[in-house]
């Protein structure tokens, strides 16, 4: 059957590394695919269980072993990495955070998929921006996107309307953001006009990638950027909104749980004008959610985040998400890729995307009425995928991301000027990647 080789699965060893793995303990030869994914997500579990049933029905004699791994994102990454170190425990297919994909490619854990996807008709239906989540440094495809997210401005129509701001509100540049925030503050000093976290994805990167020279990494030169005016300008914007009291207090900004107060109290109680948040925000407010808010569809509205001076393309967003990858050591690579293709065919992708309230990675899914009706903002937050960017998630990016976070927090709450914090970041970056791997811009 398609040249499938017999695979001997050392189930006892796998069971130690991958929680929940089970199967024939007799040690007999079997044609088996091992699938690893995070157990905490019930919608993802349903996708894997449904695909297993469909795949086994379509491929007589093939067994799909599901290995749900318990724990948070860090736990999952650690256990997955441990399993990948041995061919006896490495999964054939695994759910991979796009943030960690390039590091695993560098480590030799991930199979290049280009030749396997070349003749797959469905591949043309995938959004070109979403495909970047599975692209390696060499431009090759190493994973199929499972889901995506975007980031936009979520604003409270009651608060902005009471301040006399024309609705719908559509800022065209950073000055428009500050004008709105200052107008809301003047109209009602008890309201927090505009929140941007003292972090990276919903804050600094959203600003940086909207500047003229905004980027952490020069893809053409394959070098990291230092001396960026866009880096300084982005820090200066954050300093302005915190210095003028247009955002939450610096102490609140450093609280990793402040998002709960924002989505759970401030926005529903008309105590905040706007914030930058992920496309998944409706999950917080929908029926049965932790911060159920039946009126959110009438009160809240969205706007794309503008570029610094309104330059093309006019708006910017940051994206992340999860992918499906195939292990480089899989003895059944063709079969493993077939499982990925089945998991992400139109019907399965539609069901998963709608049930999980995620951004569609397939254009044909995004066009369906089921998707457009899953929440009042599905179409709006999907459109910005066209201007969205992914972080340069190289093997050393986690350390670089921490240096960016440090620079941001030192400006928001540490008393440093944007120029001082940017200079400190440049020095930290050189220590991380080396002098030969940076470029002045």
Protein backbone atom coordinates (compact mmCIF):
# COMPACT_ATOMS: atom_id res chain seq x y z
CA UNK A 1 0.00 0.00 0.00
CA UNK A 2 1.82 3.10 -1.38
CA UNK A 3 5.15 1.45 -0.50
CA UNK A 4 4.50 1.62 3.22
CA UNK A 5 7.24 0.09 5.28
CA UNK A 6 6.56 -1.95 8.35
CA UNK A 7 7.19 0.02 11.50
CA UNK A 8 8.06 -1.43 14.84
CA UNK A 9 6.83 0.84 17.60
CA UNK A 10 8.56 0.49 20.93
CA UNK A 11 5.37 1.19 22.81
CA UNK A 12 6.77 0.91 26.26
CA UNK A 13 9.37 3.61 25.65
CA UNK A 14 6.93 5.85 23.80
CA UNK A 15 4.46 5.52 26.63
CA UNK A 16 7.00 6.96 29.04
CA UNK A 17 7.61 10.01 26.89
CA UNK A 18 4.18 10.69 25.45
CA UNK A 19 1.36 10.70 27.92
CA UNK A 20 -1.65 8.78 26.76
CA UNK A 21 0.05 6.72 24.06
CA UNK A 22 -1.36 3.20 23.92
CA UNK A 23 -1.41 0.26 21.62
CA UNK A 24 -0.42 -3.32 21.09
CA UNK A 25 2.08 -4.15 23.81
CA UNK A 26 2.92 -7.51 22.28
CA UNK A 27 5.74 -5.91 20.26
CA UNK A 28 4.52 -7.39 16.95
CA UNK A 29 5.21 -5.57 13.67
CA UNK A 30 2.49 -3.08 12.80
CA UNK A 31 1.74 -0.37 10.30
CA UNK A 32 1.18 2.45 12.71
CA UNK A 33 1.21 6.21 12.68
CA UNK A 34 1.92 8.00 15.95
CA UNK A 35 0.22 11.40 16.27
CA UNK A 36 1.21 13.86 19.05
CA UNK A 37 -0.82 16.90 20.07
CA UNK A 38 -1.74 18.93 23.16
CA UNK A 39 -4.54 17.37 25.20
CA UNK A 40 -5.79 20.63 26.72
CA UNK A 41 -7.73 21.68 23.61
CA UNK A 42 -11.01 19.70 23.25
CA UNK A 43 -11.67 20.99 19.72
CA UNK A 44 -8.22 19.83 18.60
CA UNK A 45 -8.84 16.48 20.27
CA UNK A 46 -12.08 16.11 18.30
CA UNK A 47 -10.24 16.89 15.06
CA UNK A 48 -7.63 14.24 15.77
CA UNK A 49 -10.18 11.62 16.82
CA UNK A 50 -12.36 12.27 13.76
CA UNK A 51 -9.36 12.16 11.42
CA UNK A 52 -8.15 8.90 12.99
CA UNK A 53 -11.56 7.30 12.35
CA UNK A 54 -11.69 8.59 8.76
CA UNK A 55 -8.07 7.62 8.04
CA UNK A 56 -8.31 4.09 9.37
CA UNK A 57 -11.55 3.55 7.41
CA UNK A 58 -9.85 4.71 4.21
CA UNK A 59 -6.60 2.78 4.81
CA UNK A 60 -7.24 -0.84 5.75
CA UNK A 61 -4.57 -2.32 7.98
CA UNK A 62 -3.27 1.04 9.17
CA UNK A 63 -3.47 1.96 12.85
CA UNK A 64 -3.40 5.56 14.03
CA UNK A 65 -2.12 5.91 17.60
CA UNK A 66 -3.15 9.20 19.18
CA UNK A 67 -0.77 10.58 21.81
CA UNK A 68 -2.40 13.55 23.52
CA UNK A 69 0.13 15.30 25.76
CA UNK A 70 -1.14 16.95 28.92
CA UNK A 71 0.06 20.33 30.19
CA UNK A 72 0.39 23.93 29.08
CA UNK A 73 2.24 25.12 25.97
CA UNK A 74 5.64 24.89 27.67
CA UNK A 75 4.92 21.40 29.01
CA UNK A 76 3.86 20.29 25.56
CA UNK A 77 6.98 21.72 23.93
CA UNK A 78 9.24 20.03 26.49
CA UNK A 79 7.62 16.59 26.21
CA UNK A 80 7.49 16.80 22.42
CA UNK A 81 11.19 17.73 22.29
CA UNK A 82 12.07 14.77 24.51
CA UNK A 83 10.13 12.38 22.29
CA UNK A 84 11.88 13.70 19.16
CA UNK A 85 15.33 12.75 20.44
CA UNK A 86 14.81 9.05 19.79
CA UNK A 87 13.47 7.33 16.66
CA UNK A 88 11.65 4.94 18.99
CA UNK A 89 9.54 7.72 20.48
CA UNK A 90 9.44 10.43 17.79
CA UNK A 91 5.89 10.96 16.48
CA UNK A 92 5.13 10.63 12.76
CA UNK A 93 2.83 13.67 12.87
CA UNK A 94 2.76 16.37 15.52
CA UNK A 95 1.05 19.66 16.22
CA UNK A 96 3.76 22.32 16.20
CA UNK A 97 3.68 25.91 17.44
CA UNK A 98 4.69 28.13 14.50
CA UNK A 99 6.85 30.00 17.03
CA UNK A 100 9.04 26.90 17.49
CA UNK A 101 8.99 25.40 14.00
CA UNK A 102 12.25 26.87 12.70
CA UNK A 103 14.14 25.75 15.80
CA UNK A 104 12.91 22.18 15.27
CA UNK A 105 13.80 22.39 11.58
CA UNK A 106 17.34 23.43 12.56
CA UNK A 107 17.45 20.51 14.99
CA UNK A 108 16.58 18.11 12.18
CA UNK A 109 13.26 16.98 13.65
CA UNK A 110 10.95 18.12 10.83
CA UNK A 111 10.44 16.68 7.33
CA UNK A 112 10.49 19.05 4.34
CA UNK A 113 7.06 18.79 2.71
CA UNK A 114 7.50 20.56 -0.64
CA UNK A 115 7.59 17.40 -2.78
CA UNK A 116 4.63 15.92 -0.89
CA UNK A 117 2.46 19.02 -1.30
CA UNK A 118 3.34 19.80 -4.91
CA UNK A 119 0.48 17.74 -6.33
CA UNK A 120 -2.04 18.37 -3.55
CA UNK A 121 -4.83 20.42 -5.15
CA UNK A 122 -6.04 21.66 -1.77
CA UNK A 123 -2.73 23.44 -1.13
CA UNK A 124 -3.76 26.23 -3.51
CA UNK A 125 -6.77 26.93 -1.27
CA UNK A 126 -4.55 27.87 1.68
CA UNK A 127 -3.99 31.55 2.44
CA UNK A 128 -0.52 32.66 1.29
CA UNK A 129 0.14 34.58 4.53
CA UNK A 130 -0.91 31.59 6.62
CA UNK A 131 1.54 29.41 4.69
CA UNK A 132 4.37 31.53 6.11
CA UNK A 133 3.74 29.89 9.49
CA UNK A 134 5.07 26.63 8.07
CA UNK A 135 7.94 28.08 6.05
CA UNK A 136 11.57 27.56 7.08
CA UNK A 137 14.57 29.90 6.76
CA UNK A 138 15.42 28.26 3.42
CA UNK A 139 11.98 29.04 1.99
CA UNK A 140 10.89 25.41 2.08
CA UNK A 141 7.56 24.22 3.52
CA UNK A 142 7.92 22.27 6.75
CA UNK A 143 4.39 22.34 8.12
CA UNK A 144 0.77 22.83 7.05
CA UNK A 145 -0.99 25.63 8.93
CA UNK A 146 -3.71 24.38 11.24
CA UNK A 147 -5.00 27.73 12.47
CA UNK A 148 -3.99 31.37 12.60
CA UNK A 149 -4.78 34.52 14.53
CA UNK A 150 -4.52 38.25 13.86
CA UNK A 151 -4.42 41.35 16.02
CA UNK A 152 -6.66 44.38 15.65
CA UNK A 153 -7.96 47.29 17.68
CA UNK A 154 -11.07 46.37 19.66
CA UNK A 155 -12.95 49.53 20.66
CA UNK A 156 -15.99 50.24 22.82
CA UNK A 157 -18.61 52.12 20.79
CA UNK A 158 -20.30 53.47 23.94
CA UNK A 159 -17.09 55.07 25.25
CA UNK A 160 -15.92 56.56 21.96
CA UNK A 161 -19.42 57.74 21.08
CA UNK A 162 -19.84 59.49 24.44
CA UNK A 163 -16.57 61.35 23.79
CA UNK A 164 -17.93 62.66 20.50
CA UNK A 165 -15.76 60.52 18.22
CA UNK A 166 -17.35 59.73 14.87
CA UNK A 167 -18.28 56.08 14.42
CA UNK A 168 -17.27 53.81 12.87
CA UNK A 169 -13.80 54.88 13.93
CA UNK A 170 -10.94 54.14 11.55
CA UNK A 171 -7.53 55.56 12.55
CA UNK A 172 -5.21 56.14 9.59
CA UNK A 173 -1.95 56.65 11.48
CA UNK A 174 -0.48 56.75 15.00
CA UNK A 175 -1.46 60.40 15.47
CA UNK A 176 -5.11 59.39 15.05
CA UNK A 177 -4.67 56.87 17.86
CA UNK A 178 -3.29 59.53 20.20
CA UNK A 179 -6.02 62.00 19.21
CA UNK A 180 -8.73 59.48 20.06
CA UNK A 181 -7.10 58.62 23.39
CA UNK A 182 -6.66 62.27 24.40
CA UNK A 183 -10.25 63.08 23.39
CA UNK A 184 -11.64 60.21 25.48
CA UNK A 185 -9.51 61.21 28.48
CA UNK A 186 -10.71 64.82 28.26
CA UNK A 187 -14.34 63.69 28.05
CA UNK A 188 -14.15 61.21 30.92
CA UNK A 189 -10.95 61.09 33.07
CA UNK A 190 -12.19 57.94 34.81
CA UNK A 191 -11.96 55.91 31.61
CA UNK A 192 -8.76 54.22 30.36
CA UNK A 193 -8.66 55.51 26.77
CA UNK A 194 -6.31 53.12 24.97
CA UNK A 195 -4.48 50.05 26.25
CA UNK A 196 -1.42 48.47 24.72
CA UNK A 197 0.30 45.82 26.82
CA UNK A 198 3.91 46.25 27.92
CA UNK A 199 4.70 43.18 25.87
CA UNK A 200 5.51 42.19 22.32
CA UNK A 201 2.82 40.58 20.14
CA UNK A 202 -0.14 42.83 21.04
CA UNK A 203 2.06 45.85 21.55
CA UNK A 204 5.62 46.49 20.42
CA UNK A 205 5.67 44.31 17.28
CA UNK A 206 2.31 45.72 16.18
CA UNK A 207 3.99 49.14 16.23
CA UNK A 208 7.43 48.17 14.89
CA UNK A 209 6.15 46.32 11.82
CA UNK A 210 4.10 49.41 10.91
CA UNK A 211 7.11 51.74 10.71
CA UNK A 212 9.00 52.58 7.52
CA UNK A 213 12.00 50.38 8.36
CA UNK A 214 10.17 48.19 10.82
CA UNK A 215 11.55 44.71 11.17
CA UNK A 216 13.62 42.76 13.63
CA UNK A 217 15.23 40.66 10.92
CA UNK A 218 16.32 41.42 7.36
CA UNK A 219 15.18 38.37 5.41
CA UNK A 220 17.20 39.31 2.31
CA UNK A 221 20.45 39.79 4.20
CA UNK A 222 19.69 37.05 6.73
CA UNK A 223 20.82 39.38 9.51
CA UNK A 224 19.25 40.96 12.60
CA UNK A 225 18.58 44.69 12.53
CA UNK A 226 20.28 47.19 14.89
CA UNK A 227 20.12 50.99 14.99
CA UNK A 228 16.50 51.03 13.80
CA UNK A 229 14.64 54.36 13.99
CA UNK A 230 11.41 52.36 13.84
CA UNK A 231 12.47 50.54 17.00
CA UNK A 232 12.96 53.87 18.80
CA UNK A 233 9.70 55.33 17.42
CA UNK A 234 7.75 52.31 18.61
CA UNK A 235 9.14 52.62 22.13
CA UNK A 236 8.43 56.37 22.02
CA UNK A 237 4.75 55.72 21.19
CA UNK A 238 4.43 53.42 24.19
CA UNK A 239 6.19 55.97 26.42
CA UNK A 240 3.73 58.65 25.26
CA UNK A 241 0.56 56.74 26.10
CA UNK A 242 1.91 55.72 29.52
CA UNK A 243 3.42 59.13 30.39
CA UNK A 244 0.16 60.91 29.49
CA UNK A 245 -1.99 58.45 31.46
CA UNK A 246 -3.78 57.28 28.32
CA UNK A 247 -3.25 53.58 29.15
CA UNK A 248 -3.47 51.48 32.31
CA UNK A 249 -0.88 52.29 34.97
CA UNK A 250 2.69 50.98 34.46
CA UNK A 251 2.18 48.63 37.43
CA UNK A 252 -0.95 47.20 35.81
CA UNK A 253 0.86 46.92 32.48
CA UNK A 254 3.48 44.64 34.04
CA UNK A 255 0.82 42.34 35.49
CA UNK A 256 0.61 39.30 33.16
CA UNK A 257 -3.05 38.86 34.15
CA UNK A 258 -4.16 42.42 33.32
CA UNK A 259 -5.85 41.12 30.15
CA UNK A 260 -8.43 39.42 32.35
CA UNK A 261 -9.46 42.73 33.94
CA UNK A 262 -9.53 44.40 30.53
CA UNK A 263 -11.74 41.84 28.74
CA UNK A 264 -13.68 40.84 31.86
CA UNK A 265 -14.38 44.20 33.49
CA UNK A 266 -13.07 47.34 31.82
CA UNK A 267 -14.53 46.85 28.34
CA UNK A 268 -17.91 45.35 29.40
CA UNK A 269 -18.33 48.10 32.04
CA UNK A 270 -17.53 50.94 29.61
CA UNK A 271 -14.33 51.76 31.55
CA UNK A 272 -11.96 51.44 28.57
CA UNK A 273 -12.04 53.01 25.13
CA UNK A 274 -9.94 50.59 23.10
CA UNK A 275 -7.27 47.92 23.27
CA UNK A 276 -5.18 45.84 20.91
CA UNK A 277 -6.14 42.20 21.19
CA UNK A 278 -6.20 38.97 19.21
CA UNK A 279 -8.85 37.89 16.73
CA UNK A 280 -9.88 35.32 19.31
CA UNK A 281 -11.34 37.99 21.65
CA UNK A 282 -14.97 36.85 21.03
CA UNK A 283 -14.06 33.56 22.73
CA UNK A 284 -13.84 35.52 25.98
CA UNK A 285 -17.37 36.90 25.63
CA UNK A 286 -19.42 34.23 23.86
CA UNK A 287 -22.09 32.19 25.62
CA UNK A 288 -20.52 29.86 28.17
CA UNK A 289 -17.16 31.68 28.13
CA UNK A 290 -15.38 32.89 31.28
CA UNK A 291 -16.41 36.51 30.63
CA UNK A 292 -19.77 35.95 28.98
CA UNK A 293 -21.09 39.25 27.64
CA UNK A 294 -24.28 38.90 25.55
CA UNK A 295 -24.10 42.49 24.27
CA UNK A 296 -20.49 42.39 23.06
CA UNK A 297 -21.53 42.24 19.40
CA UNK A 298 -23.43 45.52 19.70
CA UNK A 299 -20.99 47.37 21.98
CA UNK A 300 -17.61 46.36 20.53
CA UNK A 301 -16.20 47.13 17.09
CA UNK A 302 -12.87 46.52 15.40
CA UNK A 303 -10.42 48.51 13.34
CA UNK A 304 -7.16 47.44 11.69
CA UNK A 305 -4.06 48.83 13.44
CA UNK A 306 -2.67 51.66 11.24
CA UNK A 307 0.89 52.01 10.00
CA UNK A 308 2.92 54.80 11.59
CA UNK A 309 2.25 57.52 8.99
CA UNK A 310 -0.50 55.82 7.02
CA UNK A 311 2.00 54.47 4.48
CA UNK A 312 1.17 51.40 2.41
CA UNK A 313 -0.33 48.93 3.05
CA UNK A 314 -2.11 51.21 5.53
CA UNK A 315 -2.48 48.65 8.32
CA UNK A 316 -0.48 45.97 10.07
CA UNK A 317 -1.16 42.91 12.17
CA UNK A 318 0.87 40.20 13.88
CA UNK A 319 0.00 36.52 13.54
CA UNK A 320 0.79 33.30 15.30
CA UNK A 321 -0.82 29.90 15.41
CA UNK A 322 -0.31 26.16 15.24
CA UNK A 323 0.69 23.88 12.41
CA UNK A 324 0.80 20.17 11.54
CA UNK A 325 4.29 18.82 10.88
CA UNK A 326 5.76 15.42 9.97
CA UNK A 327 8.71 13.93 11.78
CA UNK A 328 11.94 13.80 9.79
CA UNK A 329 12.52 10.24 11.02
CA UNK A 330 9.10 8.89 10.12
CA UNK A 331 9.35 5.52 8.39
CA UNK A 332 6.02 6.23 6.70
CA UNK A 333 6.46 9.82 5.45
CA UNK A 334 3.96 9.51 2.60
CA UNK A 335 1.36 8.01 4.91
CA UNK A 336 2.07 10.65 7.54
CA UNK A 337 1.58 13.45 5.02
CA UNK A 338 -1.66 11.81 3.89
CA UNK A 339 -2.89 12.02 7.48
CA UNK A 340 -2.06 15.75 7.55
CA UNK A 341 -3.89 16.27 4.25
CA UNK A 342 -6.97 14.48 5.56
CA UNK A 343 -6.94 16.44 8.81
CA UNK A 344 -6.83 19.69 6.84
CA UNK A 345 -9.23 18.87 4.02
CA UNK A 346 -12.13 21.29 3.51
CA UNK A 347 -14.68 19.57 5.76
CA UNK A 348 -12.32 18.92 8.68
CA UNK A 349 -10.75 22.38 8.47
CA UNK A 350 -14.18 24.05 8.40
CA UNK A 351 -15.43 22.12 11.42
CA UNK A 352 -12.27 22.76 13.43
CA UNK A 353 -12.01 26.46 12.54
CA UNK A 354 -15.63 27.26 13.38
CA UNK A 355 -15.75 25.16 16.57
CA UNK A 356 -12.47 26.70 17.80
CA UNK A 357 -13.36 30.24 16.62
CA UNK A 358 -10.00 30.56 14.87
CA UNK A 359 -8.90 32.46 11.78
CA UNK A 360 -9.37 30.28 8.69
CA UNK A 361 -6.14 29.23 6.99
CA UNK A 362 -8.05 28.06 3.90
CA UNK A 363 -9.65 30.74 1.69
CA UNK A 364 -12.52 28.43 0.76
CA UNK A 365 -13.32 27.92 4.46
CA UNK A 366 -13.21 31.69 5.09
CA UNK A 367 -15.85 32.20 2.37
CA UNK A 368 -18.46 29.87 3.91
CA UNK A 369 -21.54 31.17 5.73
CA UNK A 370 -20.71 28.90 8.68
CA UNK A 371 -17.40 30.70 9.14
CA UNK A 372 -18.71 34.22 8.51
CA UNK A 373 -21.52 33.65 11.05
CA UNK A 374 -19.39 32.11 13.83
CA UNK A 375 -19.15 35.55 15.52
CA UNK A 376 -19.98 39.14 14.46
CA UNK A 377 -16.33 39.97 13.69
CA UNK A 378 -15.12 36.88 11.81
CA UNK A 379 -14.91 38.63 8.44
CA UNK A 380 -13.19 41.76 9.76
CA UNK A 381 -10.43 40.02 11.70
CA UNK A 382 -9.82 37.63 8.79
CA UNK A 383 -9.31 40.43 6.25
CA UNK A 384 -6.23 41.73 8.11
CA UNK A 385 -4.49 38.39 7.59
CA UNK A 386 -3.44 39.89 4.26
CA UNK A 387 -1.29 42.51 6.05
CA UNK A 388 -0.23 40.30 8.93
CA UNK A 389 3.35 39.31 9.74
CA UNK A 390 4.89 36.39 11.59
CA UNK A 391 7.79 36.74 14.00
CA UNK A 392 11.20 35.59 12.72
CA UNK A 393 11.04 32.50 14.91
CA UNK A 394 14.60 31.30 14.48
CA UNK A 395 16.23 28.93 16.95
CA UNK A 396 17.50 31.84 19.07
CA UNK A 397 14.37 33.96 18.81
CA UNK A 398 13.08 33.19 22.30
CA UNK A 399 16.15 34.94 23.76
CA UNK A 400 15.79 37.86 21.34
CA UNK A 401 12.11 38.19 22.19
CA UNK A 402 13.05 38.46 25.86
CA UNK A 403 15.49 41.29 25.01
CA UNK A 404 12.69 43.13 23.18
CA UNK A 405 10.36 42.63 26.14
CA UNK A 406 13.02 44.03 28.47
CA UNK A 407 13.41 47.15 26.32
CA UNK A 408 9.64 47.67 26.29
CA UNK A 409 9.24 47.29 30.03
CA UNK A 410 12.22 49.54 30.79
CA UNK A 411 10.52 52.35 28.84
CA UNK A 412 7.03 51.76 30.25
CA UNK A 413 8.03 51.34 33.90
CA UNK A 414 11.82 51.53 34.25
CA UNK A 415 12.47 55.19 33.51
CA UNK A 416 14.69 54.65 30.46
CA UNK A 417 14.33 56.77 27.35
CA UNK A 418 13.45 55.02 24.06
CA UNK A 419 16.96 55.76 22.78
CA UNK A 420 18.61 54.22 25.87
CA UNK A 421 16.41 51.11 25.80
CA UNK A 422 16.97 50.65 22.05
CA UNK A 423 20.75 50.93 22.50
CA UNK A 424 20.65 48.34 25.28
CA UNK A 425 18.64 46.04 23.01
CA UNK A 426 21.18 46.41 20.21
CA UNK A 427 24.00 45.37 22.55
CA UNK A 428 22.00 42.44 23.89
CA UNK A 429 21.19 41.36 20.32
CA UNK A 430 24.88 41.41 19.33
CA UNK A 431 25.70 39.20 22.31
CA UNK A 432 22.98 36.73 21.33
CA UNK A 433 23.59 36.42 17.57
CA UNK A 434 27.13 37.77 17.20
CA UNK A 435 28.49 40.96 15.58
CA UNK A 436 28.66 39.28 12.17
CA UNK A 437 24.95 38.54 12.16
CA UNK A 438 23.57 42.07 12.55
CA UNK A 439 22.98 44.85 10.05
CA UNK A 440 22.67 48.61 10.72
CA UNK A 441 19.48 50.20 9.36
